[in-house]
Amino acid sequence: MNKNTILGYATLLMVSMGLLLIALGAFKYDDVAGWGFGAVGVGFLANAWVFNALKGRV
């Protein structure tokens, strides 16, 4: 397993966690906490985007 494979798995894990957090914020928590869950989910997706951009350059 090389560095690109590990970055690919990390990207997949971060995308799934980001979508899960956004779904929690949208469907389970309807009050102010939902906005926090959604914001953290978007942050996870942004980090996954960076990991995907680093794949092949590291």
PDB file of N, CA and C in Angstrom:
ATOM      1  N   MET A   1       0.852  -1.173   0.000  1.00  0.00           N
ATOM      2  CA  MET A   1       0.000   0.000   0.000  1.00  0.00           C
ATOM      3  C   MET A   1       0.903   1.242   0.000  1.00  0.00           C
ATOM      4  N   ASN A   2       0.762   2.064  -1.021  1.00  0.00           N
ATOM      5  CA  ASN A   2       1.605   3.247  -1.118  1.00  0.00           C
ATOM      6  C   ASN A   2       0.864   4.490  -0.614  1.00  0.00           C
ATOM      7  N   LYS A   3       1.519   5.637  -0.734  1.00  0.00           N
ATOM      8  CA  LYS A   3       0.944   6.877  -0.202  1.00  0.00           C
ATOM      9  C   LYS A   3      -0.324   7.293  -0.933  1.00  0.00           C
ATOM     10  N   ASN A   4      -0.396   7.064  -2.236  1.00  0.00           N
ATOM     11  CA  ASN A   4      -1.590   7.446  -2.990  1.00  0.00           C
ATOM     12  C   ASN A   4      -2.802   6.614  -2.590  1.00  0.00           C
ATOM     13  N   THR A   5      -2.591   5.350  -2.288  1.00  0.00           N
ATOM     14  CA  THR A   5      -3.694   4.503  -1.841  1.00  0.00           C
ATOM     15  C   THR A   5      -4.206   4.964  -0.484  1.00  0.00           C
ATOM     16  N   ILE A   6      -3.299   5.316   0.403  1.00  0.00           N
ATOM     17  CA  ILE A   6      -3.699   5.801   1.723  1.00  0.00           C
ATOM     18  C   ILE A   6      -4.459   7.125   1.593  1.00  0.00           C
ATOM     19  N   LEU A   7      -3.991   8.020   0.724  1.00  0.00           N
ATOM     20  CA  LEU A   7      -4.717   9.276   0.502  1.00  0.00           C
ATOM     21  C   LEU A   7      -6.087   9.022  -0.112  1.00  0.00           C
ATOM     22  N   GLY A   8      -6.200   8.029  -0.970  1.00  0.00           N
ATOM     23  CA  GLY A   8      -7.498   7.686  -1.545  1.00  0.00           C
ATOM     24  C   GLY A   8      -8.467   7.181  -0.492  1.00  0.00           C
ATOM     25  N   TYR A   9      -7.986   6.308   0.404  1.00  0.00           N
ATOM     26  CA  TYR A   9      -8.840   5.825   1.490  1.00  0.00           C
ATOM     27  C   TYR A   9      -9.217   6.960   2.445  1.00  0.00           C
ATOM     28  N   ALA A  10      -8.280   7.850   2.732  1.00  0.00           N
ATOM     29  CA  ALA A  10      -8.576   8.987   3.603  1.00  0.00           C
ATOM     30  C   ALA A  10      -9.610   9.902   2.954  1.00  0.00           C
ATOM     31  N   THR A  11      -9.513  10.099   1.647  1.00  0.00           N
ATOM     32  CA  THR A  11     -10.495  10.916   0.936  1.00  0.00           C
ATOM     33  C   THR A  11     -11.874  10.283   1.008  1.00  0.00           C
ATOM     34  N   LEU A  12     -11.953   8.987   0.774  1.00  0.00           N
ATOM     35  CA  LEU A  12     -13.230   8.284   0.836  1.00  0.00           C
ATOM     36  C   LEU A  12     -13.836   8.361   2.234  1.00  0.00           C
ATOM     37  N   LEU A  13     -13.011   8.187   3.253  1.00  0.00           N
ATOM     38  CA  LEU A  13     -13.491   8.261   4.633  1.00  0.00           C
ATOM     39  C   LEU A  13     -13.976   9.666   4.976  1.00  0.00           C
ATOM     40  N   MET A  14     -13.251  10.686   4.531  1.00  0.00           N
ATOM     41  CA  MET A  14     -13.642  12.056   4.842  1.00  0.00           C
ATOM     42  C   MET A  14     -14.916  12.454   4.092  1.00  0.00           C
ATOM     43  N   VAL A  15     -15.077  12.008   2.852  1.00  0.00           N
ATOM     44  CA  VAL A  15     -16.305  12.314   2.112  1.00  0.00           C
ATOM     45  C   VAL A  15     -17.504  11.665   2.793  1.00  0.00           C
ATOM     46  N   SER A  16     -17.364  10.397   3.179  1.00  0.00           N
ATOM     47  CA  SER A  16     -18.487   9.716   3.827  1.00  0.00           C
ATOM     48  C   SER A  16     -18.817  10.352   5.174  1.00  0.00           C
ATOM     49  N   MET A  17     -17.809  10.749   5.938  1.00  0.00           N
ATOM     50  CA  MET A  17     -18.060  11.402   7.224  1.00  0.00           C
ATOM     51  C   MET A  17     -18.695  12.776   7.020  1.00  0.00           C
ATOM     52  N   GLY A  18     -18.250  13.514   6.011  1.00  0.00           N
ATOM     53  CA  GLY A  18     -18.833  14.815   5.724  1.00  0.00           C
ATOM     54  C   GLY A  18     -20.289  14.710   5.332  1.00  0.00           C
ATOM     55  N   LEU A  19     -20.616  13.752   4.468  1.00  0.00           N
ATOM     56  CA  LEU A  19     -22.011  13.570   4.062  1.00  0.00           C
ATOM     57  C   LEU A  19     -22.872  13.105   5.232  1.00  0.00           C
ATOM     58  N   LEU A  20     -22.309  12.267   6.103  1.00  0.00           N
ATOM     59  CA  LEU A  20     -23.040  11.825   7.281  1.00  0.00           C
ATOM     60  C   LEU A  20     -23.332  12.998   8.213  1.00  0.00           C
ATOM     61  N   LEU A  21     -22.356  13.869   8.420  1.00  0.00           N
ATOM     62  CA  LEU A  21     -22.571  15.031   9.290  1.00  0.00           C
ATOM     63  C   LEU A  21     -23.584  16.002   8.695  1.00  0.00           C
ATOM     64  N   ILE A  22     -23.532  16.202   7.393  1.00  0.00           N
ATOM     65  CA  ILE A  22     -24.515  17.080   6.749  1.00  0.00           C
ATOM     66  C   ILE A  22     -25.914  16.474   6.865  1.00  0.00           C
ATOM     67  N   ALA A  23     -26.019  15.165   6.688  1.00  0.00           N
ATOM     68  CA  ALA A  23     -27.320  14.509   6.823  1.00  0.00           C
ATOM     69  C   ALA A  23     -27.837  14.597   8.256  1.00  0.00           C
ATOM     70  N   LEU A  24     -26.952  14.453   9.239  1.00  0.00           N
ATOM     71  CA  LEU A  24     -27.369  14.607  10.635  1.00  0.00           C
ATOM     72  C   LEU A  24     -27.883  16.009  10.889  1.00  0.00           C
ATOM     73  N   GLY A  25     -27.184  16.993  10.377  1.00  0.00           N
ATOM     74  CA  GLY A  25     -27.607  18.374  10.574  1.00  0.00           C
ATOM     75  C   GLY A  25     -28.912  18.687   9.879  1.00  0.00           C
ATOM     76  N   ALA A  26     -29.153  18.046   8.732  1.00  0.00           N
ATOM     77  CA  ALA A  26     -30.363  18.355   7.978  1.00  0.00           C
ATOM     78  C   ALA A  26     -31.586  17.605   8.498  1.00  0.00           C
ATOM     79  N   PHE A  27     -31.411  16.358   8.918  1.00  0.00           N
ATOM     80  CA  PHE A  27     -32.575  15.531   9.222  1.00  0.00           C
ATOM     81  C   PHE A  27     -32.804  15.285  10.707  1.00  0.00           C
ATOM     82  N   LYS A  28     -31.746  15.211  11.512  1.00  0.00           N
ATOM     83  CA  LYS A  28     -31.941  14.885  12.924  1.00  0.00           C
ATOM     84  C   LYS A  28     -32.036  16.129  13.797  1.00  0.00           C
ATOM     85  N   TYR A  29     -31.138  17.076  13.603  1.00  0.00           N
ATOM     86  CA  TYR A  29     -31.108  18.262  14.446  1.00  0.00           C
ATOM     87  C   TYR A  29     -31.657  19.449  13.664  1.00  0.00           C
ATOM     88  N   ASP A  30     -32.867  19.852  13.977  1.00  0.00           N
ATOM     89  CA  ASP A  30     -33.519  20.934  13.250  1.00  0.00           C
ATOM     90  C   ASP A  30     -33.249  22.307  13.851  1.00  0.00           C
ATOM     91  N   ASP A  31     -32.631  22.354  15.017  1.00  0.00           N
ATOM     92  CA  ASP A  31     -32.391  23.647  15.666  1.00  0.00           C
ATOM     93  C   ASP A  31     -31.003  24.174  15.288  1.00  0.00           C
ATOM     94  N   VAL A  32     -30.446  24.979  16.153  1.00  0.00           N
ATOM     95  CA  VAL A  32     -29.167  25.643  15.855  1.00  0.00           C
ATOM     96  C   VAL A  32     -28.028  24.637  15.720  1.00  0.00           C
ATOM     97  N   ALA A  33     -28.107  23.518  16.430  1.00  0.00           N
ATOM     98  CA  ALA A  33     -27.046  22.506  16.350  1.00  0.00           C
ATOM     99  C   ALA A  33     -26.927  21.933  14.938  1.00  0.00           C
ATOM    100  N   GLY A  34     -28.017  21.903  14.204  1.00  0.00           N
ATOM    101  CA  GLY A  34     -27.979  21.399  12.834  1.00  0.00           C
ATOM    102  C   GLY A  34     -27.083  22.231  11.941  1.00  0.00           C
ATOM    103  N   TRP A  35     -27.078  23.549  12.159  1.00  0.00           N
ATOM    104  CA  TRP A  35     -26.185  24.411  11.377  1.00  0.00           C
ATOM    105  C   TRP A  35     -24.726  24.083  11.676  1.00  0.00           C
ATOM    106  N   GLY A  36     -24.417  23.774  12.912  1.00  0.00           N
ATOM    107  CA  GLY A  36     -23.045  23.398  13.270  1.00  0.00           C
ATOM    108  C   GLY A  36     -22.627  22.097  12.621  1.00  0.00           C
ATOM    109  N   PHE A  37     -23.529  21.105  12.661  1.00  0.00           N
ATOM    110  CA  PHE A  37     -23.225  19.832  12.016  1.00  0.00           C
ATOM    111  C   PHE A  37     -23.024  20.017  10.515  1.00  0.00           C
ATOM    112  N   GLY A  38     -23.855  20.838   9.902  1.00  0.00           N
ATOM    113  CA  GLY A  38     -23.710  21.094   8.472  1.00  0.00           C
ATOM    114  C   GLY A  38     -22.404  21.791   8.134  1.00  0.00           C
ATOM    115  N   ALA A  39     -22.016  22.760   8.970  1.00  0.00           N
ATOM    116  CA  ALA A  39     -20.765  23.486   8.721  1.00  0.00           C
ATOM    117  C   ALA A  39     -19.556  22.572   8.870  1.00  0.00           C
ATOM    118  N   VAL A  40     -19.575  21.719   9.875  1.00  0.00           N
ATOM    119  CA  VAL A  40     -18.463  20.776  10.056  1.00  0.00           C
ATOM    120  C   VAL A  40     -18.427  19.766   8.909  1.00  0.00           C
ATOM    121  N   GLY A  41     -19.595  19.355   8.422  1.00  0.00           N
ATOM    122  CA  GLY A  41     -19.649  18.445   7.278  1.00  0.00           C
ATOM    123  C   GLY A  41     -19.066  19.067   6.028  1.00  0.00           C
ATOM    124  N   VAL A  42     -19.356  20.342   5.799  1.00  0.00           N
ATOM    125  CA  VAL A  42     -18.773  21.042   4.646  1.00  0.00           C
ATOM    126  C   VAL A  42     -17.262  21.148   4.809  1.00  0.00           C
ATOM    127  N   GLY A  43     -16.800  21.357   6.029  1.00  0.00           N
ATOM    128  CA  GLY A  43     -15.352  21.382   6.289  1.00  0.00           C
ATOM    129  C   GLY A  43     -14.695  20.042   5.982  1.00  0.00           C
ATOM    130  N   PHE A  44     -15.366  18.948   6.338  1.00  0.00           N
ATOM    131  CA  PHE A  44     -14.837  17.623   6.005  1.00  0.00           C
ATOM    132  C   PHE A  44     -14.756  17.444   4.489  1.00  0.00           C
ATOM    133  N   LEU A  45     -15.778  17.903   3.768  1.00  0.00           N
ATOM    134  CA  LEU A  45     -15.739  17.784   2.310  1.00  0.00           C
ATOM    135  C   LEU A  45     -14.613  18.623   1.710  1.00  0.00           C
ATOM    136  N   ALA A  46     -14.351  19.797   2.294  1.00  0.00           N
ATOM    137  CA  ALA A  46     -13.251  20.635   1.802  1.00  0.00           C
ATOM    138  C   ALA A  46     -11.906  19.949   2.039  1.00  0.00           C
ATOM    139  N   ASN A  47     -11.731  19.335   3.199  1.00  0.00           N
ATOM    140  CA  ASN A  47     -10.490  18.604   3.471  1.00  0.00           C
ATOM    141  C   ASN A  47     -10.337  17.405   2.544  1.00  0.00           C
ATOM    142  N   ALA A  48     -11.427  16.728   2.250  1.00  0.00           N
ATOM    143  CA  ALA A  48     -11.367  15.595   1.327  1.00  0.00           C
ATOM    144  C   ALA A  48     -10.971  16.058  -0.071  1.00  0.00           C
ATOM    145  N   TRP A  49     -11.443  17.235  -0.462  1.00  0.00           N
ATOM    146  CA  TRP A  49     -11.073  17.789  -1.758  1.00  0.00           C
ATOM    147  C   TRP A  49      -9.571  18.054  -1.818  1.00  0.00           C
ATOM    148  N   VAL A  50      -9.003  18.569  -0.727  1.00  0.00           N
ATOM    149  CA  VAL A  50      -7.560  18.817  -0.666  1.00  0.00           C
ATOM    150  C   VAL A  50      -6.795  17.500  -0.723  1.00  0.00           C
ATOM    151  N   PHE A  51      -7.258  16.486   0.016  1.00  0.00           N
ATOM    152  CA  PHE A  51      -6.589  15.183  -0.028  1.00  0.00           C
ATOM    153  C   PHE A  51      -6.622  14.603  -1.435  1.00  0.00           C
ATOM    154  N   ASN A  52      -7.745  14.759  -2.126  1.00  0.00           N
ATOM    155  CA  ASN A  52      -7.848  14.248  -3.489  1.00  0.00           C
ATOM    156  C   ASN A  52      -6.913  15.005  -4.426  1.00  0.00           C
ATOM    157  N   ALA A  53      -6.757  16.317  -4.201  1.00  0.00           N
ATOM    158  CA  ALA A  53      -5.840  17.102  -5.042  1.00  0.00           C
ATOM    159  C   ALA A  53      -4.381  16.712  -4.775  1.00  0.00           C
ATOM    160  N   LEU A  54      -4.067  16.266  -3.569  1.00  0.00           N
ATOM    161  CA  LEU A  54      -2.695  15.873  -3.248  1.00  0.00           C
ATOM    162  C   LEU A  54      -2.336  14.498  -3.801  1.00  0.00           C
ATOM    163  N   LYS A  55      -3.345  13.704  -4.142  1.00  0.00           N
ATOM    164  CA  LYS A  55      -3.081  12.370  -4.650  1.00  0.00           C
ATOM    165  C   LYS A  55      -2.285  12.467  -5.950  1.00  0.00           C
ATOM    166  N   GLY A  56      -1.158  11.796  -6.005  1.00  0.00           N
ATOM    167  CA  GLY A  56      -0.307  11.838  -7.179  1.00  0.00           C
ATOM    168  C   GLY A  56       0.815  12.862  -7.077  1.00  0.00           C
ATOM    169  N   ARG A  57       0.739  13.773  -6.142  1.00  0.00           N
ATOM    170  CA  ARG A  57       1.785  14.773  -5.968  1.00  0.00           C
ATOM    171  C   ARG A  57       2.694  14.486  -4.789  1.00  0.00           C
ATOM    172  N   VAL A  58       2.264  13.592  -3.931  1.00  0.00           N
ATOM    173  CA  VAL A  58       3.049  13.289  -2.720  1.00  0.00           C
ATOM    174  C   VAL A  58       3.956  12.124  -3.002  1.00  0.00           C
TER     175      VAL A  58
END
